[in-house]
Amino acid sequence: MGFFDKFRNNVKAWNNKGINLGKSGKYKEAIECFDKVLKIDPKNVRALDNKGVTYGLLGKAQEALDYFDKVLELDPKNAEAWNNKGLAFEDIGKYQEAIKSYDKSLELDPNNSETWYNKGISLKKLEKYQEALKSFNKALKSYPNYVDAWNNKGLALAQLKKYQEALECFDKVLKLDPNSETALKAKKIILEARKTS
């Protein structure tokens, strides 16, 4: 094995270790792994993005945004980084900025159900329920069993007073996840409201 192969495998190993540590909730250790990658390869897009995601998980949205900006400076067509940047904006309540980032991501990857879902959440937070529905529908077109998208579609429909359609969404959720607290609570509230009206 040549020097380059050892170098590449080391970078990949540190990145993978960081990802696994992050999944285990060991965020500081994960960041240390990504830092080792960046010491070897300061422009490693994957490590920069992973470090941004990890800062986001630590509730440090501004630091996360800084890393996503570094990724996008190196790779402006990185749909995942645009989506992650949107999530960081969402974390600090900048929903319009989040939507702009999601739109950039969707220009690059128009069938990404997660990004459509994330856009729907930001629109819902802005009380743009009709637009949020469109985003949730796009997410569900790509991933029909997306429980969170069904739940949030139901919640948006309920805000628009389309209770029957909302109930249908919650029924779909309960077929996929019979223990969904969101669907159970929302369905109960709608059914009780119907009895009293």
Foldseek 3Di string as FASTA:
>chain_A
DDPVVVLVVLLVVLQVVLVVCVVVVNLVVSLVSLVVSCVSPVLPLSSLQSNLVSCVVVLNLVSSLVSLVSSCVVPVLPLVSLQSNLVSCVSVPNLVSSLVSLVSSCVNVVQALVSLQSNLVSCVVVVVLVSSLVSLVSSCVNPVLPLSSLLSNLVSCVVVVVNVSSLVSLVSSCVSPVPPPSSVVVNVVSVVVVVVD
